[in-house]
Amino acid sequence: METEAILKERYLRHLMLEDVGEEGQKKLSKAKILVIGAGGLGSPVCLYLTAVGIGRIGVLDYDIVEISNLQRQVIHATSDIGKAKISSAKIKMNNINPNVIIDTYFEKLTAQNSISIIQNYDFIIDATDNFTSKFLINDACVITNKAFSHAGVLKYRGQTMTIIPKRSACFACAFDEPPEKELDSFFRAGLFGVVPGIIGCIQASEAIKYILKIGDLLTNTLLTMDIKTMNFRKISINKNASCRVCSNKYGIKELNDYHA
């Protein structure tokens, strides 16, 4: 742990902000955020959450680094090829900020382990690349009452929204159920390298704003972007009173895995 003087120098630009200051920086240092996925979206999220001094960051991923990842997954390097993504990410994060505690989970998120992992954190980042994981994360966060950020990217486009259970529309309010199996292959389509970087930075900012309780979050709002046209659009999402996941009457009571 660095001395107080060094910490003040490290976070100087935050300490100068009227909405952050010393009190806000202390909140960040006590915060616990889980990042599910250490790929294109998870890379900028992990880098920026570490840089701003989030006290504990969990990183969950069960994949290894491949050369084709490096076009967009900027937390990894050529020398990391063949390594577990969580191990590669942890090394970079520790190098950026040794004051941050990094928890790593080399496992797939399932109905069996999700609650025991998620319940230990204040905010969850969905940085996954498949529909089944996204719906499971939504279900688990609703059950554990954990705020989280959803995001998805495809080719030149991306989308993100923030969900606060009991207060805002959830992911299922917007999309109901996972699509047919063949549609899941969309995530394996081409991807313009900077798109997950932009969306991931927005996810990180949502997490930081949530911890600091500042600004307007993307609740009840789906933000979409097209990098080719530079068109950003906000779509209002209404909380569904009959939602199969978050409604009082029909809401989910236990977790089950989704099968693509």
C-alpha atoms as a PDB file:
ATOM      1  CA  MET A   1       0.000   0.000   0.000  1.00  0.00           C
ATOM      2  CA  GLU A   2       1.344   3.410  -0.961  1.00  0.00           C
ATOM      3  CA  THR A   3       1.774   6.211   1.546  1.00  0.00           C
ATOM      4  CA  GLU A   4      -0.954   8.828   1.938  1.00  0.00           C
ATOM      5  CA  ALA A   5       1.184  11.414   0.162  1.00  0.00           C
ATOM      6  CA  ILE A   6       1.689   9.166  -2.856  1.00  0.00           C
ATOM      7  CA  LEU A   7      -2.000   8.251  -2.921  1.00  0.00           C
ATOM      8  CA  LYS A   8      -2.930  11.934  -2.999  1.00  0.00           C
ATOM      9  CA  GLU A   9      -0.580  12.429  -5.922  1.00  0.00           C
ATOM     10  CA  ARG A  10      -1.951   9.356  -7.724  1.00  0.00           C
ATOM     11  CA  TYR A  11      -5.567  10.510  -7.426  1.00  0.00           C
ATOM     12  CA  LEU A  12      -4.857  14.247  -7.673  1.00  0.00           C
ATOM     13  CA  ARG A  13      -7.153  14.862 -10.650  1.00  0.00           C
ATOM     14  CA  HIS A  14     -10.019  13.145  -8.828  1.00  0.00           C
ATOM     15  CA  LEU A  15      -9.372  15.037  -5.622  1.00  0.00           C
ATOM     16  CA  MET A  16      -9.699  18.281  -7.582  1.00  0.00           C
ATOM     17  CA  LEU A  17     -13.225  17.391  -8.730  1.00  0.00           C
ATOM     18  CA  GLU A  18     -16.012  18.853  -6.620  1.00  0.00           C
ATOM     19  CA  ASP A  19     -18.125  15.707  -7.099  1.00  0.00           C
ATOM     20  CA  VAL A  20     -15.319  13.402  -5.986  1.00  0.00           C
ATOM     21  CA  GLY A  21     -12.745  14.933  -3.655  1.00  0.00           C
ATOM     22  CA  GLU A  22     -11.275  13.020  -0.734  1.00  0.00           C
ATOM     23  CA  GLU A  23     -14.651  11.700   0.416  1.00  0.00           C
ATOM     24  CA  GLY A  24     -15.469  10.347  -3.011  1.00  0.00           C
ATOM     25  CA  GLN A  25     -12.056   8.783  -3.431  1.00  0.00           C
ATOM     26  CA  LYS A  26     -12.526   7.014  -0.103  1.00  0.00           C
ATOM     27  CA  LYS A  27     -15.819   5.602  -1.398  1.00  0.00           C
ATOM     28  CA  LEU A  28     -14.036   4.264  -4.467  1.00  0.00           C
ATOM     29  CA  SER A  29     -11.314   2.700  -2.325  1.00  0.00           C
ATOM     30  CA  LYS A  30     -13.954   0.825  -0.329  1.00  0.00           C
ATOM     31  CA  ALA A  31     -15.979  -0.281  -3.355  1.00  0.00           C
ATOM     32  CA  LYS A  32     -16.083  -3.835  -4.706  1.00  0.00           C
ATOM     33  CA  ILE A  33     -16.856  -4.402  -8.381  1.00  0.00           C
ATOM     34  CA  LEU A  34     -17.068  -7.680 -10.299  1.00  0.00           C
ATOM     35  CA  VAL A  35     -16.180  -7.784 -14.000  1.00  0.00           C
ATOM     36  CA  ILE A  36     -17.550 -10.853 -15.763  1.00  0.00           C
ATOM     37  CA  GLY A  37     -15.485 -11.274 -18.908  1.00  0.00           C
ATOM     38  CA  ALA A  38     -11.890 -10.168 -19.523  1.00  0.00           C
ATOM     39  CA  GLY A  39     -12.147  -9.659 -23.274  1.00  0.00           C
ATOM     40  CA  GLY A  40     -12.998  -6.683 -25.468  1.00  0.00           C
ATOM     41  CA  LEU A  41     -15.454  -5.068 -23.058  1.00  0.00           C
ATOM     42  CA  GLY A  42     -13.735  -6.235 -19.886  1.00  0.00           C
ATOM     43  CA  SER A  43     -10.327  -4.878 -20.923  1.00  0.00           C
ATOM     44  CA  PRO A  44     -11.121  -1.138 -20.674  1.00  0.00           C
ATOM     45  CA  VAL A  45     -13.398  -1.753 -17.702  1.00  0.00           C
ATOM     46  CA  CYS A  46     -10.623  -3.465 -15.729  1.00  0.00           C
ATOM     47  CA  LEU A  47      -8.016  -0.885 -16.721  1.00  0.00           C
ATOM     48  CA  TYR A  48     -10.073   2.144 -15.745  1.00  0.00           C
ATOM     49  CA  LEU A  49     -11.565   0.713 -12.557  1.00  0.00           C
ATOM     50  CA  THR A  50      -8.033  -0.107 -11.463  1.00  0.00           C
ATOM     51  CA  ALA A  51      -6.701   3.313 -12.428  1.00  0.00           C
ATOM     52  CA  VAL A  52      -9.373   5.181 -10.449  1.00  0.00           C
ATOM     53  CA  GLY A  53      -8.664   3.118  -7.336  1.00  0.00           C
ATOM     54  CA  ILE A  54     -11.626   0.786  -6.844  1.00  0.00           C
ATOM     55  CA  GLY A  55     -10.664  -1.070  -3.686  1.00  0.00           C
ATOM     56  CA  ARG A  56     -11.456  -4.635  -4.795  1.00  0.00           C
ATOM     57  CA  ILE A  57     -12.074  -5.851  -8.326  1.00  0.00           C
ATOM     58  CA  GLY A  58     -13.173  -9.354  -9.200  1.00  0.00           C
ATOM     59  CA  VAL A  59     -12.388 -10.677 -12.685  1.00  0.00           C
ATOM     60  CA  LEU A  60     -14.182 -13.785 -13.911  1.00  0.00           C
ATOM     61  CA  ASP A  61     -13.283 -15.529 -17.164  1.00  0.00           C
ATOM     62  CA  TYR A  62     -12.454 -19.112 -18.142  1.00  0.00           C
ATOM     63  CA  ASP A  63     -10.767 -18.426 -21.481  1.00  0.00           C
ATOM     64  CA  ILE A  64      -7.132 -18.141 -22.546  1.00  0.00           C
ATOM     65  CA  VAL A  65      -5.497 -15.399 -24.626  1.00  0.00           C
ATOM     66  CA  GLU A  66      -5.352 -16.046 -28.373  1.00  0.00           C
ATOM     67  CA  ILE A  67      -3.668 -13.919 -31.014  1.00  0.00           C
ATOM     68  CA  SER A  68      -7.018 -13.031 -32.586  1.00  0.00           C
ATOM     69  CA  ASN A  69      -8.047 -11.401 -29.273  1.00  0.00           C
ATOM     70  CA  LEU A  70      -5.347  -8.756 -29.436  1.00  0.00           C
ATOM     71  CA  GLN A  71      -7.080  -6.610 -32.078  1.00  0.00           C
ATOM     72  CA  ARG A  72      -9.496  -5.364 -29.387  1.00  0.00           C
ATOM     73  CA  GLN A  73      -8.711  -6.907 -25.984  1.00  0.00           C
ATOM     74  CA  VAL A  74      -6.196  -4.265 -24.997  1.00  0.00           C
ATOM     75  CA  ILE A  75      -5.408  -5.548 -21.520  1.00  0.00           C
ATOM     76  CA  HIS A  76      -3.578  -8.501 -23.091  1.00  0.00           C
ATOM     77  CA  ALA A  77      -0.296  -8.572 -25.030  1.00  0.00           C
ATOM     78  CA  THR A  78       1.431 -10.852 -27.525  1.00  0.00           C
ATOM     79  CA  SER A  79       3.497 -12.315 -24.694  1.00  0.00           C
ATOM     80  CA  ASP A  80       0.274 -13.374 -22.955  1.00  0.00           C
ATOM     81  CA  ILE A  81      -0.857 -15.748 -25.711  1.00  0.00           C
ATOM     82  CA  GLY A  82      -1.711 -19.100 -24.120  1.00  0.00           C
ATOM     83  CA  LYS A  83      -2.176 -17.636 -20.630  1.00  0.00           C
ATOM     84  CA  ALA A  84      -5.478 -17.456 -18.760  1.00  0.00           C
ATOM     85  CA  LYS A  85      -7.088 -14.089 -19.400  1.00  0.00           C
ATOM     86  CA  ILE A  86      -7.643 -13.521 -15.693  1.00  0.00           C
ATOM     87  CA  SER A  87      -3.925 -13.994 -15.020  1.00  0.00           C
ATOM     88  CA  SER A  88      -2.907 -11.687 -17.855  1.00  0.00           C
ATOM     89  CA  ALA A  89      -5.412  -9.059 -16.720  1.00  0.00           C
ATOM     90  CA  LYS A  90      -4.316  -9.223 -13.091  1.00  0.00           C
ATOM     91  CA  ILE A  91      -0.679  -8.561 -13.984  1.00  0.00           C
ATOM     92  CA  LYS A  92      -1.579  -5.409 -15.950  1.00  0.00           C
ATOM     93  CA  MET A  93      -3.961  -4.223 -13.246  1.00  0.00           C
ATOM     94  CA  ASN A  94      -1.373  -4.693 -10.491  1.00  0.00           C
ATOM     95  CA  ASN A  95       1.159  -2.769 -12.579  1.00  0.00           C
ATOM     96  CA  ILE A  96      -1.266   0.144 -12.968  1.00  0.00           C
ATOM     97  CA  ASN A  97      -2.273   0.345  -9.326  1.00  0.00           C
ATOM     98  CA  PRO A  98      -0.765  -1.875  -6.603  1.00  0.00           C
ATOM     99  CA  ASN A  99      -3.301  -0.590  -4.066  1.00  0.00           C
ATOM    100  CA  VAL A 100      -6.185  -2.473  -5.666  1.00  0.00           C
ATOM    101  CA  ILE A 101      -7.049  -6.002  -4.547  1.00  0.00           C
ATOM    102  CA  ILE A 102      -7.729  -8.271  -7.543  1.00  0.00           C
ATOM    103  CA  ASP A 103      -9.850 -11.413  -7.127  1.00  0.00           C
ATOM    104  CA  THR A 104      -9.706 -13.863 -10.028  1.00  0.00           C
ATOM    105  CA  TYR A 105     -12.161 -16.610 -10.944  1.00  0.00           C
ATOM    106  CA  PHE A 106     -11.079 -19.048 -13.641  1.00  0.00           C
ATOM    107  CA  GLU A 107     -14.509 -20.568 -14.099  1.00  0.00           C
ATOM    108  CA  LYS A 108     -17.705 -20.277 -16.067  1.00  0.00           C
ATOM    109  CA  LEU A 109     -20.559 -18.414 -14.434  1.00  0.00           C
ATOM    110  CA  THR A 110     -23.423 -20.822 -13.804  1.00  0.00           C
ATOM    111  CA  ALA A 111     -26.677 -20.999 -11.878  1.00  0.00           C
ATOM    112  CA  GLN A 112     -24.759 -22.935  -9.217  1.00  0.00           C
ATOM    113  CA  ASN A 113     -21.935 -20.465  -8.539  1.00  0.00           C
ATOM    114  CA  SER A 114     -23.257 -17.058  -9.631  1.00  0.00           C
ATOM    115  CA  ILE A 115     -25.001 -15.991  -6.442  1.00  0.00           C
ATOM    116  CA  SER A 116     -22.112 -16.996  -4.174  1.00  0.00           C
ATOM    117  CA  ILE A 117     -19.741 -14.877  -6.307  1.00  0.00           C
ATOM    118  CA  ILE A 118     -21.969 -11.902  -7.157  1.00  0.00           C
ATOM    119  CA  GLN A 119     -23.208 -11.321  -3.616  1.00  0.00           C
ATOM    120  CA  ASN A 120     -19.684 -10.285  -2.548  1.00  0.00           C
ATOM    121  CA  TYR A 121     -19.640  -7.177  -4.765  1.00  0.00           C
ATOM    122  CA  ASP A 122     -21.380  -3.785  -4.879  1.00  0.00           C
ATOM    123  CA  PHE A 123     -21.724  -3.496  -8.648  1.00  0.00           C
ATOM    124  CA  ILE A 124     -21.492  -6.020 -11.484  1.00  0.00           C
ATOM    125  CA  ILE A 125     -20.211  -5.496 -15.032  1.00  0.00           C
ATOM    126  CA  ASP A 126     -21.569  -7.801 -17.724  1.00  0.00           C
ATOM    127  CA  ALA A 127     -18.691  -7.927 -20.215  1.00  0.00           C
ATOM    128  CA  THR A 128     -19.654 -11.304 -21.675  1.00  0.00           C
ATOM    129  CA  ASP A 129     -20.109 -12.237 -25.322  1.00  0.00           C
ATOM    130  CA  ASN A 130     -23.115 -14.563 -25.292  1.00  0.00           C
ATOM    131  CA  PHE A 131     -26.824 -14.258 -24.600  1.00  0.00           C
ATOM    132  CA  THR A 132     -27.050 -17.118 -22.104  1.00  0.00           C
ATOM    133  CA  SER A 133     -24.544 -15.470 -19.767  1.00  0.00           C
ATOM    134  CA  LYS A 134     -26.213 -12.079 -20.095  1.00  0.00           C
ATOM    135  CA  PHE A 135     -29.615 -13.405 -19.088  1.00  0.00           C
ATOM    136  CA  LEU A 136     -28.101 -15.415 -16.219  1.00  0.00           C
ATOM    137  CA  ILE A 137     -26.267 -12.334 -14.923  1.00  0.00           C
ATOM    138  CA  ASN A 138     -29.504 -10.369 -15.036  1.00  0.00           C
ATOM    139  CA  ASP A 139     -31.352 -13.081 -13.104  1.00  0.00           C
ATOM    140  CA  ALA A 140     -28.623 -13.419 -10.483  1.00  0.00           C
ATOM    141  CA  CYS A 141     -28.374  -9.657  -9.974  1.00  0.00           C
ATOM    142  CA  VAL A 142     -32.142  -9.343  -9.569  1.00  0.00           C
ATOM    143  CA  ILE A 143     -32.173 -12.132  -6.976  1.00  0.00           C
ATOM    144  CA  THR A 144     -29.209 -10.683  -5.062  1.00  0.00           C
ATOM    145  CA  ASN A 145     -30.403  -7.083  -5.563  1.00  0.00           C
ATOM    146  CA  LYS A 146     -27.123  -6.005  -7.159  1.00  0.00           C
ATOM    147  CA  ALA A 147     -26.893  -3.123  -9.615  1.00  0.00           C
ATOM    148  CA  PHE A 148     -25.146  -3.968 -12.864  1.00  0.00           C
ATOM    149  CA  SER A 149     -24.179  -2.732 -16.317  1.00  0.00           C
ATOM    150  CA  HIS A 150     -25.169  -4.680 -19.435  1.00  0.00           C
ATOM    151  CA  ALA A 151     -23.385  -4.256 -22.746  1.00  0.00           C
ATOM    152  CA  GLY A 152     -23.163  -5.930 -26.109  1.00  0.00           C
ATOM    153  CA  VAL A 153     -21.148  -5.243 -29.274  1.00  0.00           C
ATOM    154  CA  LEU A 154     -21.402  -6.388 -32.883  1.00  0.00           C
ATOM    155  CA  LYS A 155     -19.467  -5.268 -35.952  1.00  0.00           C
ATOM    156  CA  TYR A 156     -19.623  -1.433 -35.798  1.00  0.00           C
ATOM    157  CA  ARG A 157     -22.340  -1.179 -33.159  1.00  0.00           C
ATOM    158  CA  GLY A 158     -22.671  -1.386 -29.409  1.00  0.00           C
ATOM    159  CA  GLN A 159     -25.276  -0.994 -26.709  1.00  0.00           C
ATOM    160  CA  THR A 160     -25.347  -0.611 -22.950  1.00  0.00           C
ATOM    161  CA  MET A 161     -27.788  -0.022 -20.111  1.00  0.00           C
ATOM    162  CA  THR A 162     -27.642   0.060 -16.319  1.00  0.00           C
ATOM    163  CA  ILE A 163     -30.010  -1.978 -14.176  1.00  0.00           C
ATOM    164  CA  ILE A 164     -30.829  -1.315 -10.530  1.00  0.00           C
ATOM    165  CA  PRO A 165     -33.125  -4.105  -9.315  1.00  0.00           C
ATOM    166  CA  LYS A 166     -36.444  -3.014  -7.780  1.00  0.00           C
ATOM    167  CA  ARG A 167     -35.922   0.504  -9.145  1.00  0.00           C
ATOM    168  CA  SER A 168     -35.447   0.181 -12.898  1.00  0.00           C
ATOM    169  CA  ALA A 169     -36.264  -2.022 -15.860  1.00  0.00           C
ATOM    170  CA  CYS A 170     -34.131  -5.146 -16.002  1.00  0.00           C
ATOM    171  CA  PHE A 171     -32.507  -6.788 -19.024  1.00  0.00           C
ATOM    172  CA  ALA A 172     -35.478  -9.156 -19.402  1.00  0.00           C
ATOM    173  CA  CYS A 173     -37.891  -6.194 -19.423  1.00  0.00           C
ATOM    174  CA  ALA A 174     -36.115  -5.085 -22.593  1.00  0.00           C
ATOM    175  CA  PHE A 175     -35.333  -8.390 -24.301  1.00  0.00           C
ATOM    176  CA  ASP A 176     -37.499 -11.004 -22.529  1.00  0.00           C
ATOM    177  CA  GLU A 177     -35.647 -14.261 -23.362  1.00  0.00           C
ATOM    178  CA  PRO A 178     -32.502 -15.429 -25.171  1.00  0.00           C
ATOM    179  CA  PRO A 179     -32.882 -15.725 -28.955  1.00  0.00           C
ATOM    180  CA  GLU A 180     -32.617 -18.908 -30.958  1.00  0.00           C
ATOM    181  CA  LYS A 181     -29.302 -20.750 -30.771  1.00  0.00           C
ATOM    182  CA  GLU A 182     -28.085 -19.668 -34.206  1.00  0.00           C
ATOM    183  CA  LEU A 183     -28.438 -15.992 -33.285  1.00  0.00           C
ATOM    184  CA  ASP A 184     -25.867 -16.415 -30.533  1.00  0.00           C
ATOM    185  CA  SER A 185     -23.263 -16.770 -33.296  1.00  0.00           C
ATOM    186  CA  PHE A 186     -23.701 -13.032 -33.931  1.00  0.00           C
ATOM    187  CA  PHE A 187     -21.185 -12.464 -31.147  1.00  0.00           C
ATOM    188  CA  ARG A 188     -18.624 -14.380 -33.222  1.00  0.00           C
ATOM    189  CA  ALA A 189     -19.071 -12.041 -36.196  1.00  0.00           C
ATOM    190  CA  GLY A 190     -16.572  -9.368 -37.197  1.00  0.00           C
ATOM    191  CA  LEU A 191     -15.973  -6.538 -34.759  1.00  0.00           C
ATOM    192  CA  PHE A 192     -14.442  -3.098 -35.282  1.00  0.00           C
ATOM    193  CA  GLY A 193     -11.680  -3.018 -32.690  1.00  0.00           C
ATOM    194  CA  VAL A 194     -12.475   0.221 -30.870  1.00  0.00           C
ATOM    195  CA  VAL A 195     -16.205  -0.451 -30.382  1.00  0.00           C
ATOM    196  CA  PRO A 196     -15.848  -2.542 -27.198  1.00  0.00           C
ATOM    197  CA  GLY A 197     -13.337   0.031 -25.951  1.00  0.00           C
ATOM    198  CA  ILE A 198     -15.892   2.822 -26.198  1.00  0.00           C
ATOM    199  CA  ILE A 199     -18.738   0.800 -24.704  1.00  0.00           C
ATOM    200  CA  GLY A 200     -16.494  -0.645 -21.997  1.00  0.00           C
ATOM    201  CA  CYS A 201     -15.435   2.851 -20.939  1.00  0.00           C
ATOM    202  CA  ILE A 202     -19.095   3.797 -20.617  1.00  0.00           C
ATOM    203  CA  GLN A 203     -19.665   0.719 -18.451  1.00  0.00           C
ATOM    204  CA  ALA A 204     -16.753   1.680 -16.210  1.00  0.00           C
ATOM    205  CA  SER A 205     -18.082   5.229 -15.896  1.00  0.00           C
ATOM    206  CA  GLU A 206     -21.525   3.923 -14.925  1.00  0.00           C
ATOM    207  CA  ALA A 207     -19.976   1.799 -12.174  1.00  0.00           C
ATOM    208  CA  ILE A 208     -17.941   4.720 -10.848  1.00  0.00           C
ATOM    209  CA  LYS A 209     -20.935   7.071 -10.938  1.00  0.00           C
ATOM    210  CA  TYR A 210     -23.026   4.492  -9.094  1.00  0.00           C
ATOM    211  CA  ILE A 211     -20.448   4.191  -6.313  1.00  0.00           C
ATOM    212  CA  LEU A 212     -20.088   7.981  -6.042  1.00  0.00           C
ATOM    213  CA  LYS A 213     -23.840   8.599  -6.435  1.00  0.00           C
ATOM    214  CA  ILE A 214     -23.269  11.322  -9.024  1.00  0.00           C
ATOM    215  CA  GLY A 215     -24.716  12.092 -12.432  1.00  0.00           C
ATOM    216  CA  ASP A 216     -27.419  10.324 -14.396  1.00  0.00           C
ATOM    217  CA  LEU A 217     -27.187   6.581 -14.880  1.00  0.00           C
ATOM    218  CA  LEU A 218     -28.434   4.697 -17.935  1.00  0.00           C
ATOM    219  CA  THR A 219     -31.355   3.238 -16.004  1.00  0.00           C
ATOM    220  CA  ASN A 220     -34.542   2.600 -17.990  1.00  0.00           C
ATOM    221  CA  THR A 221     -32.418   3.585 -20.975  1.00  0.00           C
ATOM    222  CA  LEU A 222     -30.670   1.599 -23.678  1.00  0.00           C
ATOM    223  CA  LEU A 223     -27.800   3.592 -25.183  1.00  0.00           C
ATOM    224  CA  THR A 224     -26.902   2.444 -28.689  1.00  0.00           C
ATOM    225  CA  MET A 225     -24.044   3.593 -30.892  1.00  0.00           C
ATOM    226  CA  ASP A 226     -22.885   3.086 -34.459  1.00  0.00           C
ATOM    227  CA  ILE A 227     -19.240   3.990 -34.884  1.00  0.00           C
ATOM    228  CA  LYS A 228     -19.523   4.255 -38.690  1.00  0.00           C
ATOM    229  CA  THR A 229     -22.136   6.990 -38.523  1.00  0.00           C
ATOM    230  CA  MET A 230     -21.229   8.276 -35.024  1.00  0.00           C
ATOM    231  CA  ASN A 231     -24.900   8.006 -34.197  1.00  0.00           C
ATOM    232  CA  PHE A 232     -25.623   7.682 -30.478  1.00  0.00           C
ATOM    233  CA  ARG A 233     -29.237   7.043 -29.495  1.00  0.00           C
ATOM    234  CA  LYS A 234     -31.058   6.660 -26.193  1.00  0.00           C
ATOM    235  CA  ILE A 235     -34.048   4.322 -26.176  1.00  0.00           C
ATOM    236  CA  SER A 236     -36.425   4.430 -23.215  1.00  0.00           C
ATOM    237  CA  ILE A 237     -37.113   1.049 -21.606  1.00  0.00           C
ATOM    238  CA  ASN A 238     -40.178   0.702 -19.423  1.00  0.00           C
ATOM    239  CA  LYS A 239     -40.212  -1.560 -16.393  1.00  0.00           C
ATOM    240  CA  ASN A 240     -42.508  -4.468 -17.273  1.00  0.00           C
ATOM    241  CA  ALA A 241     -45.102  -5.089 -14.559  1.00  0.00           C
ATOM    242  CA  SER A 242     -45.366  -8.675 -15.808  1.00  0.00           C
ATOM    243  CA  CYS A 243     -41.647  -9.296 -16.297  1.00  0.00           C
ATOM    244  CA  ARG A 244     -40.789 -12.956 -15.785  1.00  0.00           C
ATOM    245  CA  VAL A 245     -37.639 -11.927 -13.879  1.00  0.00           C
ATOM    246  CA  CYS A 246     -38.150  -8.724 -11.901  1.00  0.00           C
ATOM    247  CA  SER A 247     -41.912  -8.252 -11.429  1.00  0.00           C
ATOM    248  CA  ASN A 248     -43.383  -8.710  -7.970  1.00  0.00           C
ATOM    249  CA  LYS A 249     -46.008 -11.169  -9.177  1.00  0.00           C
ATOM    250  CA  TYR A 250     -44.141 -13.241 -11.771  1.00  0.00           C
ATOM    251  CA  GLY A 251     -40.540 -12.585 -10.791  1.00  0.00           C
ATOM    252  CA  ILE A 252     -37.811 -15.176 -10.614  1.00  0.00           C
ATOM    253  CA  LYS A 253     -37.351 -17.110  -7.380  1.00  0.00           C
ATOM    254  CA  GLU A 254     -34.429 -19.379  -8.242  1.00  0.00           C
ATOM    255  CA  LEU A 255     -31.721 -19.567 -10.869  1.00  0.00           C
ATOM    256  CA  ASN A 256     -31.515 -21.940 -13.804  1.00  0.00           C
ATOM    257  CA  ASP A 257     -28.932 -22.070 -16.560  1.00  0.00           C
ATOM    258  CA  TYR A 258     -29.996 -20.961 -20.015  1.00  0.00           C
ATOM    259  CA  HIS A 259     -29.118 -23.307 -22.831  1.00  0.00           C
ATOM    260  CA  ALA A 260     -28.256 -21.874 -26.233  1.00  0.00           C
END
